[in-house]
Amino acid sequence: MTDDTQPQTLALHASRAPGHPAAIEAGTGRVRTYAELDERSSRLAHLLAAAGIEAGSRVAVVLGNCVEYFDTTWATQRSGLYVTPVNWHLTAAEAAYIVADSGSQALVASPELAGLVGPDQVQMAPPALRLCTGAGDPPAGFASFEEALAAARPEPQRDETEGSVMFYSSGTTGRPKGIKRAAVSAPYGTRGGLETLMSLFYGFSPDSVYLCPAPLYHAAPLGWSMGVQRLGGTVVVMDRFDPVETLANIERFGVTHVQMVPTMFVRLLKLPEEQRKGYDLSSLQTVIHAAAPCPVEVKTQMLDWLGPIIHEYYAGSEGNGFVAIGPDEWRSHPGSVGRALTGTLHVVGDDGREVPQGEVGTIYFEGAEGAPPAFEYHNDPGKTAAAFNTAGWSTLGDLGWLDPDGYLYLSDRRTNLIISGGVNIYPAEIENELALHPAVADVAVIGVPDPEMGQQVKAVVQAAEPAAAGPALEAELIEFCRQRLAHFKCPRSVDFVDSLPRLPTGKLAKRLLVERYEAG
């Protein structure tokens, strides 16, 4: 366990073990030690301050899983800044919107991704500092990340303060919304709630080796990775998830902790048994999963394989509550995501009153009495207001129910939300694009069951000319969508119908459509 009687800073870990790896790239073997991470993040913090970027401002990051990601995020976290990770799978227009909407005054990008957010794509707020990692001449409009760091001062700034992360998550209109938590303004090194949970409930320590097989632009991969570093451990990042490489990396790096989504469990279980048994996984102490409901059968098989080391939690980027369950508890309450460790759980009906145990309702978290709201949606006061009820409790919009022991079970991950491979996909954004195609008279996008991904995206279309409905139009619509949106959002298939179920008001009765598919 770490000593939490003093600030948990990079400098502290660097003084104790300067050569200890803070981050390792699994694919390349590149290492960022604590001494290097402390100095490089301090240099970048000086550079941002010298440019006039003040506490409370935003810095965007458009990088793959690399050690420079941590140079950047830690520079913001010791400067009182918000860092906005940008999903590099997005189209240029989608990525540019996030950078512009966040009001980012600086961004760090890799050469292969700089085109998403270059000067031709987005006009940033002054001073519009763009830095590009890697060797060689940076693209037009960017300065060299390495040259800029080399010219900056290495010693820490005075009076460093904690920063925060502003992730973007799509809203019901399809436009991404920034999830902005209250400014921390605590002295740099102050331990947060996540690190406390990681230490007390999951056994993280300076000796921990945490494998991150998911993109750092997502909340859990970045938040838990930085939590590991705040506690002095080592993060091993993979370029992408591969089941065999995951097992090989656990053996190679002596991984003690790993976090996955249920889709990764499915792919691991599909490996031949001799291949699964061909790697030494004895270093594993804890496997953590979240982001999507896990089928009971899948989790049971994982527990049978790895033993009672699999933990699950339910939470959101909004940081308004944290529900967790251990392996033995789960065996007694299969299918549950656990009980609240932070925040008080309430399940509320449409009338605003709490529902009886066993009855489905909207899940709310009650914070500590007198505490300010945990979050707001950037530039969207209406969405912010809709997330809180009159009692001040907040919701992620999910539905669930409680058993007599207070264990929570999810019944729906937000109305209409599609979760594919642990990634949230919002149908309205896709519907808005497909509706522009001249051959589409009406369209609805839903998630249908997928044995590997959990759900896959399906478009249900009323063709403008019924005779045109068929495989050729299906392929045309999918390609039309792929030209406008990130590929992971686009339909895998298109079904054609005579009409879609709509209410007299014109509102799409999507639940009726979903029920048709659930009924086969």
Protein backbone atom coordinates (compact mmCIF):
# COMPACT_ATOMS: atom_id res chain seq x y z
CA MET A 1 0.00 0.00 0.00
CA THR A 2 1.17 3.53 -0.68
CA ASP A 3 1.80 6.14 1.97
CA ASP A 4 -1.06 8.63 1.57
CA THR A 5 0.21 10.95 4.32
CA GLN A 6 2.09 13.01 1.72
CA PRO A 7 1.13 14.22 -1.77
CA GLN A 8 1.26 11.46 -4.37
CA THR A 9 3.23 13.30 -7.06
CA LEU A 10 5.40 12.10 -9.91
CA ALA A 11 8.33 13.78 -8.17
CA LEU A 12 7.76 11.64 -5.07
CA HIS A 13 7.87 8.43 -7.10
CA ALA A 14 10.84 9.70 -9.11
CA SER A 15 12.77 10.42 -5.92
CA ARG A 16 12.10 6.92 -4.60
CA ALA A 17 12.69 4.99 -7.82
CA PRO A 18 13.71 7.26 -10.72
CA GLY A 19 14.20 4.39 -13.15
CA HIS A 20 10.94 2.60 -12.30
CA PRO A 21 8.70 2.39 -15.40
CA ALA A 22 5.64 4.60 -15.23
CA ALA A 23 4.48 3.49 -18.69
CA ILE A 24 5.53 0.88 -21.23
CA GLU A 25 4.34 0.51 -24.82
CA ALA A 26 3.75 -3.22 -25.24
CA GLY A 27 4.18 -3.16 -29.01
CA THR A 28 7.44 -1.20 -29.17
CA GLY A 29 8.90 -1.73 -25.72
CA ARG A 30 9.37 2.04 -25.26
CA VAL A 31 9.54 2.97 -21.57
CA ARG A 32 8.76 6.20 -19.77
CA THR A 33 10.36 6.17 -16.31
CA TYR A 34 9.05 8.21 -13.41
CA ALA A 35 12.04 10.55 -13.61
CA GLU A 36 11.36 11.15 -17.30
CA LEU A 37 7.61 11.53 -16.85
CA ASP A 38 8.06 14.00 -14.01
CA GLU A 39 10.51 16.17 -15.95
CA ARG A 40 8.72 16.03 -19.32
CA SER A 41 5.28 16.83 -17.85
CA SER A 42 6.84 19.67 -15.86
CA ARG A 43 8.44 21.09 -19.02
CA LEU A 44 5.12 20.93 -20.88
CA ALA A 45 3.36 22.58 -17.94
CA HIS A 46 5.84 25.48 -18.17
CA LEU A 47 5.30 25.69 -21.92
CA LEU A 48 1.52 25.90 -21.52
CA ALA A 49 1.82 28.55 -18.82
CA ALA A 50 4.26 30.61 -20.89
CA ALA A 51 1.74 30.58 -23.74
CA GLY A 52 -0.85 32.15 -21.43
CA ILE A 53 -2.98 29.04 -20.92
CA GLU A 54 -4.37 29.48 -17.42
CA ALA A 55 -5.91 27.10 -14.87
CA GLY A 56 -9.38 25.97 -15.90
CA SER A 57 -8.53 26.04 -19.62
CA ARG A 58 -8.67 22.99 -21.89
CA VAL A 59 -5.99 21.01 -23.72
CA ALA A 60 -6.98 18.43 -26.36
CA VAL A 61 -5.09 15.18 -26.98
CA VAL A 62 -5.22 13.29 -30.29
CA LEU A 63 -2.80 10.43 -29.75
CA GLY A 64 -2.77 6.67 -29.88
CA ASN A 65 -1.72 4.60 -26.88
CA CYS A 66 1.82 5.92 -26.43
CA VAL A 67 4.03 7.24 -23.64
CA GLU A 68 3.56 10.83 -24.86
CA TYR A 69 -0.08 10.54 -23.84
CA PHE A 70 1.04 10.55 -20.21
CA ASP A 71 3.51 13.40 -20.73
CA THR A 72 0.54 15.48 -21.85
CA THR A 73 -2.11 14.42 -19.39
CA TRP A 74 0.20 14.83 -16.41
CA ALA A 75 1.20 18.30 -17.59
CA THR A 76 -2.47 19.29 -17.42
CA GLN A 77 -3.06 17.54 -14.11
CA ARG A 78 -0.27 19.47 -12.38
CA SER A 79 -1.40 22.78 -13.95
CA GLY A 80 -5.08 22.93 -12.97
CA LEU A 81 -6.14 22.38 -16.60
CA TYR A 82 -8.79 20.18 -18.19
CA VAL A 83 -7.53 17.62 -20.66
CA THR A 84 -9.94 16.56 -23.43
CA PRO A 85 -9.07 13.18 -25.00
CA VAL A 86 -10.28 12.96 -28.61
CA ASN A 87 -11.33 9.66 -30.15
CA TRP A 88 -9.01 9.29 -33.14
CA HIS A 89 -11.45 6.91 -34.86
CA LEU A 90 -13.73 9.88 -35.49
CA THR A 91 -13.95 11.68 -38.81
CA ALA A 92 -12.13 15.00 -39.17
CA ALA A 93 -15.41 16.88 -38.78
CA GLU A 94 -16.34 14.99 -35.62
CA ALA A 95 -12.91 15.42 -34.04
CA ALA A 96 -12.76 19.09 -35.00
CA TYR A 97 -16.15 19.69 -33.38
CA ILE A 98 -14.91 18.34 -30.04
CA VAL A 99 -11.76 20.47 -30.11
CA ALA A 100 -13.76 23.57 -30.99
CA ASP A 101 -16.65 22.94 -28.60
CA SER A 102 -14.30 22.28 -25.70
CA GLY A 103 -12.61 25.62 -26.27
CA SER A 104 -9.22 23.94 -26.23
CA GLN A 105 -6.34 26.39 -26.44
CA ALA A 106 -3.70 23.75 -27.03
CA LEU A 107 -3.56 20.26 -28.45
CA VAL A 108 -1.04 17.48 -28.83
CA ALA A 109 -1.35 15.13 -31.80
CA SER A 110 0.72 12.45 -33.48
CA PRO A 111 1.82 12.95 -37.12
CA GLU A 112 -0.62 10.40 -38.51
CA LEU A 113 -3.56 12.00 -36.64
CA ALA A 114 -2.70 15.68 -37.00
CA GLY A 115 -4.86 15.91 -40.11
CA LEU A 116 -7.97 15.42 -37.99
CA VAL A 117 -7.41 18.66 -36.07
CA GLY A 118 -5.08 20.79 -38.20
CA PRO A 119 -5.69 24.49 -38.89
CA ASP A 120 -7.74 23.61 -41.98
CA GLN A 121 -10.15 21.51 -39.87
CA VAL A 122 -10.64 23.55 -36.71
CA GLN A 123 -10.10 27.11 -35.53
CA MET A 124 -8.95 26.84 -31.92
CA ALA A 125 -9.25 29.37 -29.14
CA PRO A 126 -6.14 31.58 -28.76
CA PRO A 127 -3.25 30.95 -28.32
CA ALA A 128 -4.03 27.91 -30.50
CA LEU A 129 -0.87 26.03 -29.57
CA ARG A 130 -0.56 22.87 -31.68
CA LEU A 131 2.21 20.38 -30.93
CA CYS A 132 3.06 17.27 -32.94
CA THR A 133 4.92 14.30 -31.50
CA GLY A 134 7.40 12.15 -33.37
CA ALA A 135 10.60 12.78 -35.28
CA GLY A 136 10.97 14.88 -38.38
CA ASP A 137 9.35 18.12 -39.44
CA PRO A 138 5.85 18.63 -37.97
CA PRO A 139 2.87 19.25 -40.29
CA ALA A 140 1.89 22.79 -41.23
CA GLY A 141 0.43 24.66 -38.29
CA PHE A 142 2.13 22.44 -35.70
CA ALA A 143 5.31 22.85 -33.66
CA SER A 144 7.59 19.97 -32.70
CA PHE A 145 6.59 18.46 -29.35
CA GLU A 146 10.17 17.38 -28.59
CA GLU A 147 11.74 20.71 -29.55
CA ALA A 148 9.19 22.62 -27.51
CA LEU A 149 9.84 20.47 -24.43
CA ALA A 150 13.61 20.76 -24.81
CA ALA A 151 13.38 24.56 -24.75
CA ALA A 152 11.12 24.67 -21.66
CA ARG A 153 12.21 24.78 -18.02
CA PRO A 154 12.49 21.38 -16.31
CA GLU A 155 11.83 22.34 -12.67
CA PRO A 156 8.24 22.21 -11.35
CA GLN A 157 6.12 25.35 -11.27
CA ARG A 158 5.25 26.93 -7.96
CA ASP A 159 1.88 26.22 -6.35
CA GLU A 160 0.90 23.39 -8.69
CA THR A 161 -2.80 22.47 -8.58
CA GLU A 162 -4.77 19.44 -9.61
CA GLY A 163 -6.45 19.42 -13.01
CA SER A 164 -9.26 17.26 -14.36
CA VAL A 165 -10.41 15.41 -17.47
CA MET A 166 -13.29 16.49 -19.70
CA PHE A 167 -14.39 13.48 -21.72
CA TYR A 168 -16.89 13.81 -24.53
CA SER A 169 -19.89 11.53 -24.76
CA SER A 170 -22.62 11.77 -27.37
CA GLY A 171 -25.97 13.20 -26.32
CA THR A 172 -29.51 12.34 -27.37
CA THR A 173 -29.24 14.80 -30.27
CA GLY A 174 -26.22 12.94 -31.57
CA ARG A 175 -23.82 15.83 -30.90
CA PRO A 176 -21.04 14.94 -28.44
CA LYS A 177 -21.24 16.69 -25.07
CA GLY A 178 -18.35 17.45 -22.77
CA ILE A 179 -18.68 15.96 -19.30
CA LYS A 180 -17.20 18.64 -17.11
CA ARG A 181 -16.58 17.86 -13.47
CA ALA A 182 -16.21 20.61 -10.91
CA ALA A 183 -12.74 22.15 -10.89
CA VAL A 184 -10.56 20.40 -8.34
CA SER A 185 -8.28 23.33 -7.33
CA ALA A 186 -6.61 21.11 -4.72
CA PRO A 187 -2.83 21.03 -4.36
CA TYR A 188 -1.15 18.82 -6.92
CA GLY A 189 -0.69 15.35 -5.51
CA THR A 190 -3.91 15.25 -3.51
CA ARG A 191 -5.25 11.72 -3.71
CA GLY A 192 -8.68 11.41 -5.31
CA GLY A 193 -11.51 9.00 -4.71
CA LEU A 194 -10.58 6.67 -7.56
CA GLU A 195 -7.05 6.09 -6.29
CA THR A 196 -8.43 5.36 -2.83
CA LEU A 197 -10.80 2.75 -4.28
CA MET A 198 -8.02 1.26 -6.37
CA SER A 199 -5.76 0.94 -3.35
CA LEU A 200 -8.27 -0.26 -0.77
CA PHE A 201 -10.54 -2.51 -2.85
CA TYR A 202 -8.37 -3.71 -5.72
CA GLY A 203 -4.92 -3.93 -4.15
CA PHE A 204 -3.05 -1.45 -6.34
CA SER A 205 0.39 -0.44 -5.06
CA PRO A 206 3.79 0.69 -6.40
CA ASP A 207 4.43 -2.95 -7.25
CA SER A 208 1.37 -3.21 -9.49
CA VAL A 209 1.66 -3.73 -13.24
CA TYR A 210 -1.56 -2.68 -14.97
CA LEU A 211 -2.32 -3.80 -18.51
CA CYS A 212 -4.42 -1.34 -20.54
CA PRO A 213 -5.67 -3.03 -23.74
CA ALA A 214 -8.20 -0.30 -24.59
CA PRO A 215 -7.81 3.21 -26.10
CA LEU A 216 -6.73 5.89 -23.65
CA TYR A 217 -9.31 8.30 -25.06
CA HIS A 218 -11.96 6.38 -23.09
CA ALA A 219 -12.66 7.29 -19.47
CA ALA A 220 -11.78 4.06 -17.66
CA PRO A 221 -8.53 3.28 -19.52
CA LEU A 222 -7.13 6.77 -18.96
CA GLY A 223 -8.53 7.28 -15.46
CA TRP A 224 -7.31 3.95 -14.10
CA SER A 225 -3.94 4.22 -15.87
CA MET A 226 -3.27 7.60 -14.30
CA GLY A 227 -4.50 6.23 -10.98
CA VAL A 228 -1.88 3.50 -11.23
CA GLN A 229 0.79 6.13 -11.84
CA ARG A 230 -0.43 8.26 -8.97
CA LEU A 231 0.12 5.21 -6.78
CA GLY A 232 3.59 4.57 -8.24
CA GLY A 233 2.83 1.49 -10.33
CA THR A 234 3.51 0.62 -13.97
CA VAL A 235 1.06 0.91 -16.88
CA VAL A 236 1.51 -1.30 -19.94
CA VAL A 237 -0.46 0.04 -22.92
CA MET A 238 -1.42 -1.99 -25.97
CA ASP A 239 -2.11 -0.48 -29.41
CA ARG A 240 -5.32 -2.46 -29.61
CA PHE A 241 -6.86 -5.50 -27.99
CA ASP A 242 -5.83 -8.87 -29.32
CA PRO A 243 -6.67 -11.95 -27.23
CA VAL A 244 -3.41 -13.82 -27.83
CA GLU A 245 -1.27 -10.70 -27.39
CA THR A 246 -3.12 -9.94 -24.16
CA LEU A 247 -2.20 -13.31 -22.70
CA ALA A 248 1.37 -12.97 -23.98
CA ASN A 249 1.70 -9.51 -22.40
CA ILE A 250 0.41 -10.74 -19.05
CA GLU A 251 3.18 -13.33 -19.04
CA ARG A 252 5.86 -11.04 -20.51
CA PHE A 253 5.39 -8.09 -18.17
CA GLY A 254 4.21 -9.96 -15.06
CA VAL A 255 0.88 -8.13 -15.16
CA THR A 256 -0.92 -8.01 -11.81
CA HIS A 257 -4.05 -6.07 -12.83
CA VAL A 258 -5.99 -5.76 -16.07
CA GLN A 259 -9.26 -4.08 -17.02
CA MET A 260 -11.46 -5.35 -19.85
CA VAL A 261 -14.94 -5.17 -21.31
CA PRO A 262 -17.17 -8.24 -21.80
CA THR A 263 -16.41 -8.38 -25.54
CA MET A 264 -12.77 -9.05 -24.65
CA PHE A 265 -13.89 -11.90 -22.40
CA VAL A 266 -15.80 -13.41 -25.32
CA ARG A 267 -12.78 -13.26 -27.62
CA LEU A 268 -10.53 -14.79 -24.99
CA LEU A 269 -12.97 -17.64 -24.40
CA LYS A 270 -13.10 -18.35 -28.14
CA LEU A 271 -9.39 -19.20 -28.17
CA PRO A 272 -8.61 -22.93 -28.24
CA GLU A 273 -8.16 -24.29 -24.75
CA GLU A 274 -4.56 -25.33 -25.41
CA GLN A 275 -3.78 -21.75 -26.46
CA ARG A 276 -5.41 -20.30 -23.34
CA LYS A 277 -3.39 -22.69 -21.21
CA GLY A 278 -0.17 -21.92 -23.09
CA TYR A 279 0.65 -18.76 -21.13
CA ASP A 280 1.71 -18.24 -17.53
CA LEU A 281 -0.98 -16.05 -15.96
CA SER A 282 0.09 -16.68 -12.37
CA SER A 283 1.05 -13.02 -11.84
CA LEU A 284 -2.58 -11.92 -12.23
CA GLN A 285 -4.11 -10.74 -8.97
CA THR A 286 -7.16 -8.83 -10.17
CA VAL A 287 -9.22 -8.67 -13.36
CA ILE A 288 -11.66 -5.76 -13.53
CA HIS A 289 -14.47 -5.30 -16.02
CA ALA A 290 -17.09 -2.66 -16.73
CA ALA A 291 -18.54 -0.52 -19.58
CA ALA A 292 -21.26 -2.98 -20.60
CA PRO A 293 -23.42 -5.71 -19.06
CA CYS A 294 -21.64 -9.06 -19.02
CA PRO A 295 -23.65 -12.18 -19.87
CA VAL A 296 -23.87 -14.47 -16.86
CA GLU A 297 -22.59 -17.44 -18.84
CA VAL A 298 -19.53 -15.52 -20.09
CA LYS A 299 -18.57 -14.33 -16.63
CA THR A 300 -19.11 -17.77 -15.14
CA GLN A 301 -16.68 -19.27 -17.68
CA MET A 302 -14.11 -16.56 -16.95
CA LEU A 303 -14.33 -17.21 -13.21
CA ASP A 304 -13.96 -20.94 -13.81
CA TRP A 305 -10.85 -20.25 -15.91
CA LEU A 306 -9.05 -17.53 -13.93
CA GLY A 307 -10.44 -18.14 -10.46
CA PRO A 308 -12.06 -15.74 -7.98
CA ILE A 309 -10.12 -12.65 -9.08
CA ILE A 310 -12.72 -11.01 -11.37
CA HIS A 311 -14.32 -7.80 -10.12
CA GLU A 312 -17.02 -5.72 -11.78
CA TYR A 313 -18.13 -2.13 -11.37
CA TYR A 314 -20.76 0.24 -12.74
CA ALA A 315 -20.03 3.95 -13.03
CA GLY A 316 -19.92 6.76 -15.56
CA SER A 317 -17.56 9.47 -16.75
CA GLU A 318 -19.74 11.87 -14.77
CA GLY A 319 -18.21 10.54 -11.54
CA ASN A 320 -21.45 10.74 -9.58
CA GLY A 321 -21.30 7.24 -8.07
CA PHE A 322 -19.50 3.91 -8.08
CA VAL A 323 -21.12 0.47 -7.76
CA ALA A 324 -18.95 -2.64 -7.43
CA ILE A 325 -19.11 -6.37 -6.82
CA GLY A 326 -16.44 -8.96 -6.06
CA PRO A 327 -16.21 -12.52 -7.39
CA ASP A 328 -17.69 -14.28 -4.38
CA GLU A 329 -20.54 -11.77 -4.11
CA TRP A 330 -21.28 -12.21 -7.78
CA ARG A 331 -21.53 -15.99 -7.41
CA SER A 332 -24.25 -15.32 -4.82
CA HIS A 333 -25.88 -12.58 -6.94
CA PRO A 334 -25.22 -13.58 -10.57
CA GLY A 335 -25.93 -10.80 -13.02
CA SER A 336 -25.61 -8.02 -10.46
CA VAL A 337 -23.18 -5.11 -10.84
CA GLY A 338 -22.97 -4.76 -7.06
CA ARG A 339 -23.66 -2.27 -4.29
CA ALA A 340 -22.70 1.37 -4.07
CA LEU A 341 -19.23 2.17 -2.75
CA THR A 342 -19.67 5.91 -3.35
CA GLY A 343 -22.97 7.72 -3.62
CA THR A 344 -26.30 6.40 -2.39
CA LEU A 345 -28.37 4.38 -4.87
CA HIS A 346 -32.01 5.15 -5.61
CA VAL A 347 -34.26 3.55 -8.23
CA VAL A 348 -37.01 5.95 -9.25
CA GLY A 349 -40.19 5.51 -11.26
CA ASP A 350 -41.69 7.85 -13.83
CA ASP A 351 -43.64 9.59 -11.06
CA GLY A 352 -40.40 10.63 -9.35
CA ARG A 353 -40.87 8.28 -6.40
CA GLU A 354 -38.63 5.39 -5.43
CA VAL A 355 -39.93 2.03 -6.64
CA PRO A 356 -40.15 -1.15 -4.54
CA GLN A 357 -37.32 -3.68 -4.57
CA GLY A 358 -37.33 -5.78 -7.71
CA GLU A 359 -39.12 -3.15 -9.79
CA VAL A 360 -37.32 -1.47 -12.70
CA GLY A 361 -36.79 2.26 -12.65
CA THR A 362 -34.23 4.95 -13.43
CA ILE A 363 -31.01 4.69 -11.43
CA TYR A 364 -30.05 7.80 -9.45
CA PHE A 365 -27.07 8.59 -7.24
CA GLU A 366 -27.37 10.79 -4.18
CA GLY A 367 -24.18 12.61 -3.27
CA ALA A 368 -23.01 13.77 0.13
CA GLU A 369 -25.29 16.26 1.82
CA GLY A 370 -24.36 19.82 0.93
CA ALA A 371 -21.90 18.76 -1.78
CA PRO A 372 -22.04 20.68 -5.08
CA PRO A 373 -23.24 18.88 -8.23
CA ALA A 374 -20.63 16.38 -9.36
CA PHE A 375 -20.69 17.42 -13.01
CA GLU A 376 -22.23 19.47 -15.78
CA TYR A 377 -22.51 19.02 -19.53
CA HIS A 378 -20.36 21.64 -21.22
CA ASN A 379 -22.36 24.21 -23.19
CA ASP A 380 -25.62 22.34 -22.54
CA PRO A 381 -27.51 23.60 -19.46
CA GLY A 382 -30.65 21.78 -20.57
CA LYS A 383 -28.95 18.39 -20.59
CA THR A 384 -27.34 19.20 -17.26
CA ALA A 385 -30.69 20.08 -15.68
CA ALA A 386 -32.27 16.89 -17.04
CA ALA A 387 -29.62 14.78 -15.28
CA PHE A 388 -30.75 15.95 -11.82
CA ASN A 389 -34.07 15.56 -10.04
CA THR A 390 -35.66 17.90 -7.51
CA ALA A 391 -33.83 16.17 -4.67
CA GLY A 392 -30.48 16.89 -6.32
CA TRP A 393 -29.83 13.25 -7.19
CA SER A 394 -28.18 12.64 -10.57
CA THR A 395 -28.67 9.95 -13.18
CA LEU A 396 -26.81 8.55 -16.17
CA GLY A 397 -30.18 7.64 -17.66
CA ASP A 398 -29.79 3.91 -17.03
CA LEU A 399 -32.55 1.60 -15.89
CA GLY A 400 -32.22 -1.10 -13.26
CA TRP A 401 -33.56 -2.66 -10.09
CA LEU A 402 -32.41 -3.55 -6.58
CA ASP A 403 -32.71 -6.88 -4.83
CA PRO A 404 -33.49 -7.23 -1.09
CA ASP A 405 -29.76 -7.15 -0.27
CA GLY A 406 -29.28 -3.83 -2.04
CA TYR A 407 -27.52 -5.27 -5.09
CA LEU A 408 -28.10 -3.43 -8.35
CA TYR A 409 -29.06 -5.12 -11.62
CA LEU A 410 -29.03 -3.25 -14.94
CA SER A 411 -31.96 -3.74 -17.24
CA ASP A 412 -31.13 -1.17 -19.91
CA ARG A 413 -28.11 0.98 -20.61
CA ARG A 414 -30.04 4.17 -21.41
CA THR A 415 -32.96 4.46 -23.73
CA ASN A 416 -31.95 3.60 -27.29
CA LEU A 417 -28.25 3.42 -26.44
CA ILE A 418 -26.24 0.82 -28.36
CA ILE A 419 -23.22 -0.70 -26.62
CA SER A 420 -20.96 -2.54 -29.03
CA GLY A 421 -17.71 -3.95 -27.68
CA GLY A 422 -18.03 -1.76 -24.59
CA VAL A 423 -18.33 1.44 -26.68
CA ASN A 424 -21.40 3.66 -26.48
CA ILE A 425 -23.04 4.41 -29.84
CA TYR A 426 -25.93 6.85 -30.10
CA PRO A 427 -28.47 6.09 -32.86
CA ALA A 428 -29.71 9.67 -33.43
CA GLU A 429 -26.36 10.71 -34.86
CA ILE A 430 -26.49 7.88 -37.41
CA GLU A 431 -30.16 8.45 -38.21
CA ASN A 432 -29.48 12.12 -38.92
CA GLU A 433 -26.91 11.17 -41.56
CA LEU A 434 -28.89 8.39 -43.23
CA ALA A 435 -31.96 10.59 -43.42
CA LEU A 436 -30.03 12.80 -45.85
CA HIS A 437 -29.79 10.02 -48.45
CA PRO A 438 -32.32 10.58 -51.24
CA ALA A 439 -33.35 6.91 -51.25
CA VAL A 440 -34.37 7.02 -47.55
CA ALA A 441 -37.91 8.01 -46.66
CA ASP A 442 -37.65 7.12 -42.96
CA VAL A 443 -34.99 5.49 -40.79
CA ALA A 444 -34.40 4.12 -37.30
CA VAL A 445 -31.15 2.78 -35.92
CA ILE A 446 -31.15 0.16 -33.18
CA GLY A 447 -28.83 -2.32 -31.53
CA VAL A 448 -29.42 -6.01 -32.13
CA PRO A 449 -27.75 -8.88 -30.27
CA ASP A 450 -24.27 -9.90 -31.38
CA PRO A 451 -22.57 -12.94 -29.79
CA GLU A 452 -19.14 -11.29 -29.79
CA MET A 453 -19.71 -7.52 -29.55
CA GLY A 454 -22.78 -7.64 -27.32
CA GLN A 455 -24.71 -5.54 -29.81
CA GLN A 456 -24.26 -4.48 -33.40
CA VAL A 457 -25.71 -1.48 -35.21
CA LYS A 458 -28.66 -2.12 -37.51
CA ALA A 459 -30.50 0.44 -39.63
CA VAL A 460 -34.19 -0.14 -40.33
CA VAL A 461 -35.16 1.86 -43.42
CA GLN A 462 -38.31 2.78 -45.26
CA ALA A 463 -37.14 3.27 -48.85
CA ALA A 464 -38.40 6.22 -50.84
CA GLU A 465 -38.97 3.80 -53.73
CA PRO A 466 -39.97 0.38 -52.35
CA ALA A 467 -38.72 -1.35 -55.49
CA ALA A 468 -35.19 -0.09 -54.76
CA ALA A 469 -34.99 -1.93 -51.42
CA GLY A 470 -32.44 -4.71 -51.52
CA PRO A 471 -28.76 -5.66 -51.19
CA ALA A 472 -27.50 -2.96 -53.56
CA LEU A 473 -29.20 -0.15 -51.62
CA GLU A 474 -28.07 -1.71 -48.34
CA ALA A 475 -24.43 -1.54 -49.45
CA GLU A 476 -24.91 2.01 -50.74
CA LEU A 477 -26.38 3.23 -47.43
CA ILE A 478 -23.62 1.65 -45.35
CA GLU A 479 -20.96 3.27 -47.54
CA PHE A 480 -22.85 6.59 -47.43
CA CYS A 481 -22.74 6.46 -43.65
CA ARG A 482 -19.05 5.49 -43.57
CA GLN A 483 -18.17 8.58 -45.58
CA ARG A 484 -19.70 10.77 -42.87
CA LEU A 485 -19.13 9.02 -39.56
CA ALA A 486 -16.53 6.90 -37.82
CA HIS A 487 -16.82 3.34 -39.09
CA PHE A 488 -17.55 1.83 -35.67
CA LYS A 489 -20.78 3.86 -35.55
CA CYS A 490 -22.07 2.75 -38.94
CA PRO A 491 -24.64 -0.01 -39.52
CA ARG A 492 -23.42 -3.52 -40.04
CA SER A 493 -26.69 -4.33 -41.79
CA VAL A 494 -29.82 -2.65 -43.14
CA ASP A 495 -33.35 -4.05 -43.07
CA PHE A 496 -36.12 -2.59 -45.21
CA VAL A 497 -39.70 -2.19 -43.99
CA ASP A 498 -42.91 -0.73 -45.40
CA SER A 499 -43.16 1.76 -42.51
CA LEU A 500 -41.73 2.53 -39.08
CA PRO A 501 -43.83 2.69 -35.90
CA ARG A 502 -44.52 6.34 -35.11
CA LEU A 503 -46.85 7.95 -32.58
CA PRO A 504 -49.57 10.40 -33.67
CA THR A 505 -47.17 13.20 -32.68
CA GLY A 506 -44.68 11.90 -35.25
CA LYS A 507 -42.27 10.64 -32.61
CA LEU A 508 -40.65 7.32 -33.43
CA ALA A 509 -41.83 4.54 -31.11
CA LYS A 510 -38.44 2.89 -31.17
CA ARG A 511 -39.20 0.58 -28.29
CA LEU A 512 -41.86 -1.12 -30.42
CA LEU A 513 -39.30 -1.66 -33.14
CA VAL A 514 -36.77 -3.08 -30.69
CA GLU A 515 -39.40 -5.45 -29.29
CA ARG A 516 -40.05 -6.82 -32.78
CA TYR A 517 -36.40 -7.84 -33.06
CA GLU A 518 -36.26 -9.16 -29.51
CA ALA A 519 -39.23 -11.35 -30.37
CA GLY A 520 -37.34 -12.68 -33.37
